[in-house]
Amino acid sequence: MKRKNIYHRIEWQTQPIFGLGDYEDDSVFTVQGLLDAAVRQKRILNATVPACCILDPDGDLVRYLVQTDQGSKSDVWPCYHTDLYLFHHAGQEYGVVGCAVGAPYAVLIAEELFALGCMLLVSITSAGLLDDALAPPFFLLIEKALRDEGTSYHYLPPATFAEISADLHECIGNTVRAMGIREGISWTTDAPFRETPKKIADVKGLGAAVVEMEASALYAFAQAKKKPVVCFAHVTNRLATAENDFDKGEDNASKRMIEIVRSVRRAVIVKRD
């Protein structure tokens, strides 16, 4: 008998997540409350961030900027958990936070960045390849992501996917395609070492081409809070099953990341104007 796809059998309304249904309620613990405490304790006078910021879960871009003397650590970033690095490219300032791996961590940082003045957030995360027809490394714009993590369910009601905003997708689509960047579906998981053959077959059946750890939560946050977030996957490996897996190329593709973010930022600004 042909096995049915597990995701079609799941009753999403019965997911064991506390607080389902309270999406309109305000949180007692707020990002502003946390930042106010950090600003006070660190004696920061003007806590701000650039209008365009980057999440760099692997930390490759941060290390590249530091090693090439292009980036400097912000002294007005009040986050307790991370450092924000600043750099300039083509006359514009950017902020980048490295090593924010996983859905809860990424969304925590996203909340803080937008509270401090960020107007566009771009995440570029390392991802594993599921599609046998493709070969790493390459970049992929994540159009939508399977919600196989917990964070997104605290922002949006249960559903199979979280998606990039349609307006934002339309805004950057031509730019992304002109750069030769693929578009597709990812599987966001909280458990990278539980990517079993059965699960991989199931998510491939739903169209997932890659697997990563942040996109579905970031898109759920973006939709709930009406914030512009774009998620890219830097697809670098076949889940450590092939020779030369995780070879990212020269400078770990950091220059390419900067060009992607610059192009996305310009497309968004042109659209707004």
C-alpha atoms as a PDB file:
ATOM      1  CA  MET A   1       0.000   0.000   0.000  1.00  0.00           C
ATOM      2  CA  LYS A   2       1.301   3.433  -0.884  1.00  0.00           C
ATOM      3  CA  ARG A   3       2.148   5.414   2.225  1.00  0.00           C
ATOM      4  CA  LYS A   4       0.281   8.678   2.500  1.00  0.00           C
ATOM      5  CA  ASN A   5       2.219  11.829   3.150  1.00  0.00           C
ATOM      6  CA  ILE A   6       2.571  12.346   6.902  1.00  0.00           C
ATOM      7  CA  TYR A   7       1.946  16.087   6.638  1.00  0.00           C
ATOM      8  CA  HIS A   8      -1.472  15.479   5.125  1.00  0.00           C
ATOM      9  CA  ARG A   9      -2.420  13.290   8.082  1.00  0.00           C
ATOM     10  CA  ILE A  10      -1.412  15.730  10.800  1.00  0.00           C
ATOM     11  CA  GLU A  11      -4.210  17.589  12.560  1.00  0.00           C
ATOM     12  CA  TRP A  12      -2.499  20.962  12.805  1.00  0.00           C
ATOM     13  CA  GLN A  13      -5.096  22.250  15.271  1.00  0.00           C
ATOM     14  CA  THR A  14      -3.937  19.695  17.854  1.00  0.00           C
ATOM     15  CA  GLN A  15      -0.259  20.639  17.864  1.00  0.00           C
ATOM     16  CA  PRO A  16       1.037  20.639  21.477  1.00  0.00           C
ATOM     17  CA  ILE A  17       1.857  24.356  21.581  1.00  0.00           C
ATOM     18  CA  PHE A  18       0.585  26.393  24.517  1.00  0.00           C
ATOM     19  CA  GLY A  19      -1.407  29.515  23.742  1.00  0.00           C
ATOM     20  CA  LEU A  20      -2.833  28.627  20.354  1.00  0.00           C
ATOM     21  CA  GLY A  21      -5.679  31.032  19.693  1.00  0.00           C
ATOM     22  CA  ASP A  22      -4.340  34.014  21.653  1.00  0.00           C
ATOM     23  CA  TYR A  23      -2.756  35.699  18.645  1.00  0.00           C
ATOM     24  CA  GLU A  24      -4.421  39.070  19.284  1.00  0.00           C
ATOM     25  CA  ASP A  25      -3.238  39.263  22.894  1.00  0.00           C
ATOM     26  CA  ASP A  26      -0.229  41.401  23.821  1.00  0.00           C
ATOM     27  CA  SER A  27       2.775  39.720  25.393  1.00  0.00           C
ATOM     28  CA  VAL A  28       3.567  40.520  29.012  1.00  0.00           C
ATOM     29  CA  PHE A  29       7.281  40.286  28.247  1.00  0.00           C
ATOM     30  CA  THR A  30       7.958  42.777  25.453  1.00  0.00           C
ATOM     31  CA  VAL A  31      10.918  43.480  23.234  1.00  0.00           C
ATOM     32  CA  GLN A  32      10.846  47.120  24.312  1.00  0.00           C
ATOM     33  CA  GLY A  33      10.961  46.143  27.965  1.00  0.00           C
ATOM     34  CA  LEU A  34      13.990  43.956  27.335  1.00  0.00           C
ATOM     35  CA  LEU A  35      15.760  46.638  25.324  1.00  0.00           C
ATOM     36  CA  ASP A  36      15.027  49.339  27.904  1.00  0.00           C
ATOM     37  CA  ALA A  37      16.683  47.200  30.577  1.00  0.00           C
ATOM     38  CA  ALA A  38      19.699  46.496  28.377  1.00  0.00           C
ATOM     39  CA  VAL A  39      20.096  50.146  27.419  1.00  0.00           C
ATOM     40  CA  ARG A  40      19.987  51.152  31.079  1.00  0.00           C
ATOM     41  CA  GLN A  41      22.446  48.517  32.238  1.00  0.00           C
ATOM     42  CA  LYS A  42      24.880  49.089  29.380  1.00  0.00           C
ATOM     43  CA  ARG A  43      24.532  52.886  29.615  1.00  0.00           C
ATOM     44  CA  ILE A  44      23.751  53.295  25.925  1.00  0.00           C
ATOM     45  CA  LEU A  45      22.573  56.773  24.944  1.00  0.00           C
ATOM     46  CA  ASN A  46      21.268  56.186  21.423  1.00  0.00           C
ATOM     47  CA  ALA A  47      20.445  52.559  20.605  1.00  0.00           C
ATOM     48  CA  THR A  48      19.841  52.354  16.854  1.00  0.00           C
ATOM     49  CA  VAL A  49      20.539  50.026  13.937  1.00  0.00           C
ATOM     50  CA  PRO A  50      20.860  50.610  10.168  1.00  0.00           C
ATOM     51  CA  ALA A  51      17.739  50.580   8.011  1.00  0.00           C
ATOM     52  CA  CYS A  52      18.846  47.344   6.323  1.00  0.00           C
ATOM     53  CA  CYS A  53      20.120  44.498   8.475  1.00  0.00           C
ATOM     54  CA  ILE A  54      21.271  40.938   7.830  1.00  0.00           C
ATOM     55  CA  LEU A  55      20.981  37.698   9.763  1.00  0.00           C
ATOM     56  CA  ASP A  56      24.051  35.545   9.124  1.00  0.00           C
ATOM     57  CA  PRO A  57      23.445  32.244  10.987  1.00  0.00           C
ATOM     58  CA  ASP A  58      26.727  30.640   9.879  1.00  0.00           C
ATOM     59  CA  GLY A  59      28.743  33.739  10.797  1.00  0.00           C
ATOM     60  CA  ASP A  60      30.673  33.615   7.510  1.00  0.00           C
ATOM     61  CA  LEU A  61      29.847  37.179   6.521  1.00  0.00           C
ATOM     62  CA  VAL A  62      30.759  38.579   9.940  1.00  0.00           C
ATOM     63  CA  ARG A  63      34.110  36.782   9.917  1.00  0.00           C
ATOM     64  CA  TYR A  64      34.821  37.991   6.385  1.00  0.00           C
ATOM     65  CA  LEU A  65      34.062  41.601   7.291  1.00  0.00           C
ATOM     66  CA  VAL A  66      36.274  41.466  10.368  1.00  0.00           C
ATOM     67  CA  GLN A  67      39.158  39.721   8.585  1.00  0.00           C
ATOM     68  CA  THR A  68      39.103  42.252   5.748  1.00  0.00           C
ATOM     69  CA  ASP A  69      38.748  45.266   8.076  1.00  0.00           C
ATOM     70  CA  GLN A  70      35.409  46.198   6.538  1.00  0.00           C
ATOM     71  CA  GLY A  71      33.244  45.665   9.610  1.00  0.00           C
ATOM     72  CA  SER A  72      33.229  47.121  13.088  1.00  0.00           C
ATOM     73  CA  LYS A  73      31.283  46.132  16.176  1.00  0.00           C
ATOM     74  CA  SER A  74      28.436  48.471  17.080  1.00  0.00           C
ATOM     75  CA  ASP A  75      28.747  50.009  20.534  1.00  0.00           C
ATOM     76  CA  VAL A  76      25.053  50.987  20.673  1.00  0.00           C
ATOM     77  CA  TRP A  77      23.535  47.538  20.029  1.00  0.00           C
ATOM     78  CA  PRO A  78      21.870  46.610  23.337  1.00  0.00           C
ATOM     79  CA  CYS A  79      21.169  42.921  22.695  1.00  0.00           C
ATOM     80  CA  TYR A  80      22.282  40.688  25.575  1.00  0.00           C
ATOM     81  CA  HIS A  81      22.992  37.705  23.346  1.00  0.00           C
ATOM     82  CA  THR A  82      24.761  38.905  20.199  1.00  0.00           C
ATOM     83  CA  ASP A  83      27.039  41.483  18.626  1.00  0.00           C
ATOM     84  CA  LEU A  84      25.949  43.676  15.711  1.00  0.00           C
ATOM     85  CA  TYR A  85      28.596  44.492  13.120  1.00  0.00           C
ATOM     86  CA  LEU A  86      28.364  47.554  10.892  1.00  0.00           C
ATOM     87  CA  PHE A  87      29.772  47.918   7.386  1.00  0.00           C
ATOM     88  CA  HIS A  88      29.389  50.218   4.404  1.00  0.00           C
ATOM     89  CA  HIS A  89      28.913  49.159   0.815  1.00  0.00           C
ATOM     90  CA  ALA A  90      28.185  51.355  -2.183  1.00  0.00           C
ATOM     91  CA  GLY A  91      27.559  54.311   0.089  1.00  0.00           C
ATOM     92  CA  GLN A  92      25.049  52.576   2.370  1.00  0.00           C
ATOM     93  CA  GLU A  93      25.382  51.297   5.921  1.00  0.00           C
ATOM     94  CA  TYR A  94      24.331  47.781   6.863  1.00  0.00           C
ATOM     95  CA  GLY A  95      24.121  45.867  10.103  1.00  0.00           C
ATOM     96  CA  VAL A  96      24.778  42.142  10.406  1.00  0.00           C
ATOM     97  CA  VAL A  97      24.300  39.703  13.282  1.00  0.00           C
ATOM     98  CA  GLY A  98      26.182  36.433  13.053  1.00  0.00           C
ATOM     99  CA  CYS A  99      25.510  32.941  14.402  1.00  0.00           C
ATOM    100  CA  ALA A 100      21.830  33.431  15.290  1.00  0.00           C
ATOM    101  CA  VAL A 101      21.008  29.805  14.495  1.00  0.00           C
ATOM    102  CA  GLY A 102      17.518  28.355  14.803  1.00  0.00           C
ATOM    103  CA  ALA A 103      13.993  29.719  14.749  1.00  0.00           C
ATOM    104  CA  PRO A 104      13.645  31.081  18.323  1.00  0.00           C
ATOM    105  CA  TYR A 105      17.027  32.809  18.255  1.00  0.00           C
ATOM    106  CA  ALA A 106      16.517  34.311  14.796  1.00  0.00           C
ATOM    107  CA  VAL A 107      13.090  35.713  15.665  1.00  0.00           C
ATOM    108  CA  LEU A 108      14.332  37.125  18.971  1.00  0.00           C
ATOM    109  CA  ILE A 109      16.995  39.079  17.077  1.00  0.00           C
ATOM    110  CA  ALA A 110      14.508  40.104  14.381  1.00  0.00           C
ATOM    111  CA  GLU A 111      12.162  41.540  17.018  1.00  0.00           C
ATOM    112  CA  GLU A 112      15.011  43.583  18.486  1.00  0.00           C
ATOM    113  CA  LEU A 113      16.296  44.839  15.144  1.00  0.00           C
ATOM    114  CA  PHE A 114      12.897  46.129  14.038  1.00  0.00           C
ATOM    115  CA  ALA A 115      12.296  47.723  17.437  1.00  0.00           C
ATOM    116  CA  LEU A 116      15.513  49.705  16.981  1.00  0.00           C
ATOM    117  CA  GLY A 117      14.884  51.066  13.496  1.00  0.00           C
ATOM    118  CA  CYS A 118      15.476  48.255  11.003  1.00  0.00           C
ATOM    119  CA  MET A 119      13.258  48.676   7.944  1.00  0.00           C
ATOM    120  CA  LEU A 120      14.332  45.602   5.937  1.00  0.00           C
ATOM    121  CA  LEU A 121      15.743  42.335   7.249  1.00  0.00           C
ATOM    122  CA  VAL A 122      17.499  39.812   5.010  1.00  0.00           C
ATOM    123  CA  SER A 123      18.387  36.364   6.322  1.00  0.00           C
ATOM    124  CA  ILE A 124      20.953  34.245   4.458  1.00  0.00           C
ATOM    125  CA  THR A 125      21.186  30.843   6.082  1.00  0.00           C
ATOM    126  CA  SER A 126      23.134  27.724   5.204  1.00  0.00           C
ATOM    127  CA  ALA A 127      20.892  24.938   3.926  1.00  0.00           C
ATOM    128  CA  GLY A 128      21.004  21.296   2.952  1.00  0.00           C
ATOM    129  CA  LEU A 129      19.873  20.131  -0.484  1.00  0.00           C
ATOM    130  CA  LEU A 130      16.955  17.708  -0.838  1.00  0.00           C
ATOM    131  CA  ASP A 131      16.376  17.962  -4.598  1.00  0.00           C
ATOM    132  CA  ASP A 132      18.477  15.351  -6.407  1.00  0.00           C
ATOM    133  CA  ALA A 133      18.252  17.303  -9.665  1.00  0.00           C
ATOM    134  CA  LEU A 134      20.305  20.197  -8.290  1.00  0.00           C
ATOM    135  CA  ALA A 135      23.909  20.505  -7.149  1.00  0.00           C
ATOM    136  CA  PRO A 136      25.356  22.779  -4.432  1.00  0.00           C
ATOM    137  CA  PRO A 137      26.487  25.400  -3.856  1.00  0.00           C
ATOM    138  CA  PHE A 138      23.873  27.912  -4.964  1.00  0.00           C
ATOM    139  CA  PHE A 139      21.552  30.546  -3.508  1.00  0.00           C
ATOM    140  CA  LEU A 140      17.793  30.151  -3.311  1.00  0.00           C
ATOM    141  CA  LEU A 141      15.122  32.686  -2.440  1.00  0.00           C
ATOM    142  CA  ILE A 142      12.774  30.931  -0.030  1.00  0.00           C
ATOM    143  CA  GLU A 143       9.256  31.606  -1.274  1.00  0.00           C
ATOM    144  CA  LYS A 144       7.648  29.581   1.482  1.00  0.00           C
ATOM    145  CA  ALA A 145       8.763  27.247   4.236  1.00  0.00           C
ATOM    146  CA  LEU A 146       7.258  24.200   5.918  1.00  0.00           C
ATOM    147  CA  ARG A 147       6.541  25.034   9.560  1.00  0.00           C
ATOM    148  CA  ASP A 148       8.283  22.142  11.298  1.00  0.00           C
ATOM    149  CA  GLU A 149       9.389  24.256  14.270  1.00  0.00           C
ATOM    150  CA  GLY A 150       7.645  25.768  17.279  1.00  0.00           C
ATOM    151  CA  THR A 151       8.230  29.507  17.105  1.00  0.00           C
ATOM    152  CA  SER A 152       5.928  30.250  14.171  1.00  0.00           C
ATOM    153  CA  TYR A 153       2.912  28.832  16.054  1.00  0.00           C
ATOM    154  CA  HIS A 154       3.171  31.619  18.615  1.00  0.00           C
ATOM    155  CA  TYR A 155       2.791  34.219  15.845  1.00  0.00           C
ATOM    156  CA  LEU A 156       0.292  32.672  13.421  1.00  0.00           C
ATOM    157  CA  PRO A 157      -2.442  30.023  13.587  1.00  0.00           C
ATOM    158  CA  PRO A 158      -1.464  26.511  12.490  1.00  0.00           C
ATOM    159  CA  ALA A 159      -0.830  26.013   8.769  1.00  0.00           C
ATOM    160  CA  THR A 160       1.534  23.977   6.647  1.00  0.00           C
ATOM    161  CA  PHE A 161       3.585  26.863   5.252  1.00  0.00           C
ATOM    162  CA  ALA A 162       4.763  30.359   6.121  1.00  0.00           C
ATOM    163  CA  GLU A 163       5.438  32.563   3.102  1.00  0.00           C
ATOM    164  CA  ILE A 164       7.251  35.690   2.074  1.00  0.00           C
ATOM    165  CA  SER A 165       4.889  38.629   1.716  1.00  0.00           C
ATOM    166  CA  ALA A 166       3.361  38.689  -1.767  1.00  0.00           C
ATOM    167  CA  ASP A 167       4.127  42.399  -2.181  1.00  0.00           C
ATOM    168  CA  LEU A 168       7.749  41.933  -1.149  1.00  0.00           C
ATOM    169  CA  HIS A 169       8.125  38.913  -3.410  1.00  0.00           C
ATOM    170  CA  GLU A 170       6.783  40.899  -6.358  1.00  0.00           C
ATOM    171  CA  CYS A 171       9.074  43.774  -5.467  1.00  0.00           C
ATOM    172  CA  ILE A 172      12.299  41.734  -5.515  1.00  0.00           C
ATOM    173  CA  GLY A 173      11.367  38.946  -7.935  1.00  0.00           C
ATOM    174  CA  ASN A 174      12.871  40.423 -11.095  1.00  0.00           C
ATOM    175  CA  THR A 175      16.028  41.437  -9.248  1.00  0.00           C
ATOM    176  CA  VAL A 176      16.528  37.975  -7.811  1.00  0.00           C
ATOM    177  CA  ARG A 177      15.944  36.255 -11.144  1.00  0.00           C
ATOM    178  CA  ALA A 178      18.319  38.648 -12.913  1.00  0.00           C
ATOM    179  CA  MET A 179      21.020  37.553 -10.469  1.00  0.00           C
ATOM    180  CA  GLY A 180      20.484  33.913 -11.397  1.00  0.00           C
ATOM    181  CA  ILE A 181      19.062  33.015  -7.999  1.00  0.00           C
ATOM    182  CA  ARG A 182      16.592  30.149  -7.864  1.00  0.00           C
ATOM    183  CA  GLU A 183      13.300  30.362  -5.996  1.00  0.00           C
ATOM    184  CA  GLY A 184      11.666  27.539  -4.086  1.00  0.00           C
ATOM    185  CA  ILE A 185      10.331  25.881  -0.953  1.00  0.00           C
ATOM    186  CA  SER A 186      12.303  25.031   2.168  1.00  0.00           C
ATOM    187  CA  TRP A 187      11.688  22.774   5.133  1.00  0.00           C
ATOM    188  CA  THR A 188      12.363  24.577   8.416  1.00  0.00           C
ATOM    189  CA  THR A 189      13.207  22.136  11.193  1.00  0.00           C
ATOM    190  CA  ASP A 190      14.202  22.467  14.840  1.00  0.00           C
ATOM    191  CA  ALA A 191      16.048  19.143  14.822  1.00  0.00           C
ATOM    192  CA  PRO A 192      18.764  18.960  12.156  1.00  0.00           C
ATOM    193  CA  PHE A 193      19.982  15.579  13.317  1.00  0.00           C
ATOM    194  CA  ARG A 194      16.509  14.046  12.985  1.00  0.00           C
ATOM    195  CA  GLU A 195      16.286  14.447   9.224  1.00  0.00           C
ATOM    196  CA  THR A 196      15.309  10.829   8.647  1.00  0.00           C
ATOM    197  CA  PRO A 197      14.681   9.211   5.239  1.00  0.00           C
ATOM    198  CA  LYS A 198      10.960   9.092   6.007  1.00  0.00           C
ATOM    199  CA  LYS A 199      10.760  12.794   6.876  1.00  0.00           C
ATOM    200  CA  ILE A 200      12.842  13.760   3.860  1.00  0.00           C
ATOM    201  CA  ALA A 201      10.550  11.802   1.555  1.00  0.00           C
ATOM    202  CA  ASP A 202       7.495  13.431   3.123  1.00  0.00           C
ATOM    203  CA  VAL A 203       8.717  17.014   2.815  1.00  0.00           C
ATOM    204  CA  LYS A 204       9.963  16.434  -0.727  1.00  0.00           C
ATOM    205  CA  GLY A 205       6.434  15.315  -1.497  1.00  0.00           C
ATOM    206  CA  LEU A 206       5.288  18.787  -0.464  1.00  0.00           C
ATOM    207  CA  GLY A 207       7.800  20.430  -2.763  1.00  0.00           C
ATOM    208  CA  ALA A 208      10.640  21.228  -0.350  1.00  0.00           C
ATOM    209  CA  ALA A 209      13.963  21.529  -2.169  1.00  0.00           C
ATOM    210  CA  VAL A 210      16.148  22.454   0.819  1.00  0.00           C
ATOM    211  CA  VAL A 211      16.207  22.213   4.606  1.00  0.00           C
ATOM    212  CA  GLU A 212      17.197  24.960   7.054  1.00  0.00           C
ATOM    213  CA  MET A 213      16.323  26.185  10.558  1.00  0.00           C
ATOM    214  CA  GLU A 214      14.898  29.733  10.518  1.00  0.00           C
ATOM    215  CA  ALA A 215      12.763  30.728   7.512  1.00  0.00           C
ATOM    216  CA  SER A 216       9.258  29.601   8.515  1.00  0.00           C
ATOM    217  CA  ALA A 217       9.506  31.343  11.885  1.00  0.00           C
ATOM    218  CA  LEU A 218      10.898  34.535  10.359  1.00  0.00           C
ATOM    219  CA  TYR A 219       8.123  34.637   7.770  1.00  0.00           C
ATOM    220  CA  ALA A 220       5.469  33.982  10.414  1.00  0.00           C
ATOM    221  CA  PHE A 221       6.877  36.819  12.529  1.00  0.00           C
ATOM    222  CA  ALA A 222       6.977  39.057   9.457  1.00  0.00           C
ATOM    223  CA  GLN A 223       3.348  38.382   8.602  1.00  0.00           C
ATOM    224  CA  ALA A 224       2.101  38.786  12.164  1.00  0.00           C
ATOM    225  CA  LYS A 225       4.048  41.993  12.818  1.00  0.00           C
ATOM    226  CA  LYS A 226       3.825  43.350   9.254  1.00  0.00           C
ATOM    227  CA  LYS A 227       7.589  43.608   8.856  1.00  0.00           C
ATOM    228  CA  PRO A 228       9.592  43.167   5.631  1.00  0.00           C
ATOM    229  CA  VAL A 229      11.702  40.007   5.888  1.00  0.00           C
ATOM    230  CA  VAL A 230      13.398  38.162   3.028  1.00  0.00           C
ATOM    231  CA  CYS A 231      14.947  34.720   3.538  1.00  0.00           C
ATOM    232  CA  PHE A 232      17.602  33.198   1.305  1.00  0.00           C
ATOM    233  CA  ALA A 233      19.189  29.776   1.578  1.00  0.00           C
ATOM    234  CA  HIS A 234      22.841  29.306   0.727  1.00  0.00           C
ATOM    235  CA  VAL A 235      22.577  25.672  -0.303  1.00  0.00           C
ATOM    236  CA  THR A 236      25.978  24.182   0.498  1.00  0.00           C
ATOM    237  CA  ASN A 237      25.582  20.460   1.124  1.00  0.00           C
ATOM    238  CA  ARG A 238      23.727  17.196   0.631  1.00  0.00           C
ATOM    239  CA  LEU A 239      23.278  16.632   4.382  1.00  0.00           C
ATOM    240  CA  ALA A 240      26.944  15.645   4.758  1.00  0.00           C
ATOM    241  CA  THR A 241      26.413  12.583   2.536  1.00  0.00           C
ATOM    242  CA  ALA A 242      28.624  13.577  -0.416  1.00  0.00           C
ATOM    243  CA  GLU A 243      32.303  14.266  -0.953  1.00  0.00           C
ATOM    244  CA  ASN A 244      33.275  17.937  -0.592  1.00  0.00           C
ATOM    245  CA  ASP A 245      30.006  18.779   1.168  1.00  0.00           C
ATOM    246  CA  PHE A 246      29.912  22.238   2.782  1.00  0.00           C
ATOM    247  CA  ASP A 247      32.347  23.725   0.256  1.00  0.00           C
ATOM    248  CA  LYS A 248      31.000  27.265  -0.027  1.00  0.00           C
ATOM    249  CA  GLY A 249      33.531  28.615  -2.478  1.00  0.00           C
ATOM    250  CA  GLU A 250      35.856  31.587  -2.264  1.00  0.00           C
ATOM    251  CA  ASP A 251      35.475  33.706   0.914  1.00  0.00           C
ATOM    252  CA  ASN A 252      32.520  31.424   1.789  1.00  0.00           C
ATOM    253  CA  ALA A 253      30.499  33.401  -0.775  1.00  0.00           C
ATOM    254  CA  SER A 254      30.537  36.480   1.465  1.00  0.00           C
ATOM    255  CA  LYS A 255      30.963  38.904  -1.443  1.00  0.00           C
ATOM    256  CA  ARG A 256      27.998  37.301  -3.157  1.00  0.00           C
ATOM    257  CA  MET A 257      25.925  37.710   0.021  1.00  0.00           C
ATOM    258  CA  ILE A 258      26.708  41.419   0.121  1.00  0.00           C
ATOM    259  CA  GLU A 259      25.667  41.847  -3.503  1.00  0.00           C
ATOM    260  CA  ILE A 260      22.420  39.959  -2.893  1.00  0.00           C
ATOM    261  CA  VAL A 261      21.525  42.157   0.071  1.00  0.00           C
ATOM    262  CA  ARG A 262      22.474  45.340  -1.785  1.00  0.00           C
ATOM    263  CA  SER A 263      20.332  44.367  -4.768  1.00  0.00           C
ATOM    264  CA  VAL A 264      17.353  43.435  -2.621  1.00  0.00           C
ATOM    265  CA  ARG A 265      17.622  46.694  -0.704  1.00  0.00           C
ATOM    266  CA  ARG A 266      17.722  48.741  -3.901  1.00  0.00           C
ATOM    267  CA  ALA A 267      14.707  46.912  -5.338  1.00  0.00           C
ATOM    268  CA  VAL A 268      12.701  47.581  -2.187  1.00  0.00           C
ATOM    269  CA  ILE A 269      13.648  51.255  -2.101  1.00  0.00           C
ATOM    270  CA  VAL A 270      12.764  51.741  -5.779  1.00  0.00           C
ATOM    271  CA  LYS A 271       9.391  50.086  -5.201  1.00  0.00           C
ATOM    272  CA  ARG A 272       8.669  52.273  -2.167  1.00  0.00           C
ATOM    273  CA  ASP A 273       9.595  55.431  -4.054  1.00  0.00           C
END
